[in-house]
Protein backbone atom coordinates (compact mmCIF):
# COMPACT_ATOMS: atom_id res chain seq x y z
CA UNK A 1 -5.58 -7.77 -7.20
CA UNK A 2 -3.65 -5.13 -5.48
CA UNK A 3 -4.74 -1.79 -4.09
CA UNK A 4 -2.13 0.99 -4.20
CA UNK A 5 -2.70 4.20 -2.10
CA UNK A 6 -0.50 6.99 -3.25
CA UNK A 7 -0.61 10.45 -4.66
CA UNK A 8 2.56 10.68 -6.48
CA UNK A 9 2.50 10.56 -10.36
CA UNK A 10 5.96 8.88 -10.78
CA UNK A 11 5.29 6.15 -8.33
CA UNK A 12 1.74 5.51 -9.94
CA UNK A 13 3.55 5.32 -13.36
CA UNK A 14 6.13 2.84 -12.03
CA UNK A 15 3.50 0.65 -10.33
CA UNK A 16 1.18 0.65 -13.33
CA UNK A 17 4.16 -0.31 -15.90
CA UNK A 18 5.32 -3.04 -13.44
CA UNK A 19 1.87 -4.34 -12.72
CA UNK A 20 1.16 -4.38 -16.69
CA UNK A 21 4.46 -6.44 -17.18
CA UNK A 22 3.64 -8.93 -14.42
CA UNK A 23 0.07 -9.23 -15.55
CA UNK A 24 -1.26 -7.99 -12.20
CA UNK A 25 -4.33 -5.64 -11.80
CA UNK A 26 -3.89 -2.50 -9.52
CA UNK A 27 -6.63 -0.10 -8.27
CA UNK A 28 -5.31 3.06 -7.20
CA UNK A 29 -6.71 5.22 -4.39
CA UNK A 30 -5.73 8.67 -3.32
CA UNK A 31 -7.45 8.83 0.07
CA UNK A 32 -8.20 7.10 3.03
CA UNK A 33 -11.91 6.50 2.17
CA UNK A 34 -11.23 5.63 -1.37
CA UNK A 35 -8.74 3.00 -0.43
CA UNK A 36 -10.93 1.30 2.25
CA UNK A 37 -13.90 1.34 -0.23
CA UNK A 38 -11.46 -0.17 -2.91
CA UNK A 39 -10.34 -2.85 -0.48
CA UNK A 40 -14.01 -3.66 0.45
CA UNK A 41 -14.95 -3.94 -3.09
CA UNK A 42 -12.06 -5.80 -4.72
CA UNK A 43 -10.67 -7.93 -1.76
CA UNK A 44 -6.93 -7.51 -2.78
CA UNK A 45 -4.03 -9.81 -1.86
CA UNK A 46 -1.87 -6.75 -1.38
CA UNK A 47 -2.17 -3.24 -0.24
CA UNK A 48 0.67 -0.76 -1.22
CA UNK A 49 0.99 2.39 0.77
CA UNK A 50 2.96 5.38 0.46
CA UNK A 51 3.85 5.90 4.12
CA UNK A 52 4.96 9.64 3.21
CA UNK A 53 1.50 10.59 2.17
CA UNK A 54 -0.14 12.33 4.98
CA UNK A 55 -3.26 13.17 2.67
CA UNK A 56 -4.03 9.46 2.49
CA UNK A 57 -3.57 8.99 6.17
CA UNK A 58 -1.79 5.71 5.62
CA UNK A 59 -1.47 4.59 9.44
CA UNK A 60 -5.22 4.97 9.86
CA UNK A 61 -5.79 2.79 6.73
CA UNK A 62 -3.55 0.21 8.37
CA UNK A 63 -5.42 0.44 11.65
CA UNK A 64 -8.86 0.05 9.83
CA UNK A 65 -7.49 -2.92 7.70
CA UNK A 66 -5.90 -4.66 10.68
CA UNK A 67 -8.89 -4.35 12.97
CA UNK A 68 -11.99 -4.88 10.86
CA UNK A 69 -15.42 -4.56 12.68
CA UNK A 70 -19.02 -4.83 11.30
CA UNK A 71 -18.95 -4.04 7.64
CA UNK A 72 -15.34 -2.96 7.55
CA UNK A 73 -13.18 -4.67 5.01
CA UNK A 74 -11.22 -8.00 5.92
CA UNK A 75 -7.56 -7.60 6.18
CA UNK A 76 -5.70 -8.12 2.88
CA UNK A 77 -3.09 -10.91 2.91
CA UNK A 78 -0.31 -8.32 3.10
CA UNK A 79 0.32 -4.66 3.59
CA UNK A 80 3.43 -3.16 2.19
CA UNK A 81 4.51 0.35 2.71
CA UNK A 82 7.39 2.45 1.20
CA UNK A 83 8.90 5.47 2.75
CA UNK A 84 12.03 7.90 2.65
CA UNK A 85 14.76 5.89 4.11
CA UNK A 86 15.57 8.95 6.38
CA UNK A 87 12.22 8.95 7.91
CA UNK A 88 12.88 6.78 10.84
CA UNK A 89 9.80 7.90 12.73
CA UNK A 90 7.52 6.96 9.90
CA UNK A 91 9.43 3.55 9.51
CA UNK A 92 8.80 2.79 13.17
CA UNK A 93 5.10 4.01 13.21
CA UNK A 94 4.37 1.78 10.32
CA UNK A 95 5.86 -1.38 11.89
CA UNK A 96 4.13 -0.61 15.01
CA UNK A 97 0.93 0.01 13.17
CA UNK A 98 1.19 -3.50 11.68
CA UNK A 99 2.43 -2.80 8.07
CA UNK A 100 3.70 -6.26 7.13
CA UNK A 101 6.91 -4.95 4.87
CA UNK A 102 8.31 -1.44 5.16
CA UNK A 103 10.76 -0.50 2.48
CA UNK A 104 12.87 2.39 1.49
CA UNK A 105 11.49 4.19 -1.61
CA UNK A 106 14.65 3.16 -3.45
CA UNK A 107 14.28 -0.57 -2.52
CA UNK A 108 10.66 -0.53 -3.49
CA UNK A 109 11.49 0.98 -7.03
CA UNK A 110 14.19 -1.77 -7.50
CA UNK A 111 11.94 -4.63 -6.48
CA UNK A 112 8.59 -3.49 -7.60
CA UNK A 113 7.87 -6.08 -10.27
CA UNK A 114 8.77 -8.95 -7.94
CA UNK A 115 6.70 -7.39 -5.14
CA UNK A 116 3.62 -7.02 -7.13
CA UNK A 117 3.83 -10.73 -8.14
CA UNK A 118 3.94 -11.64 -4.40
CA UNK A 119 7.62 -12.68 -4.32
């Protein structure tokens, strides 16, 4: 089970297609609250974040997942974020926040199938 947090139809379609081909279930969320609720409910092995989506507050999601308290969700096995390769500030902030894997959008697109399978 994977939770993907994004608001981009092109990437949603790519993730959905790759997940279908890999036989993996993906739940999509478009906001911080929806993402945290999906993680609580589904207990995914992977959370995928569009780090350039300010509406979803991706770094706040990472913070909430890395430091659960009370009824907060347990950390997933891995947090993967993809970002524009020129957005070095977002890349550094994501790494500092605890994103396990940070990839450029192009690398994420090329490796999406294997990443969703946990390879």
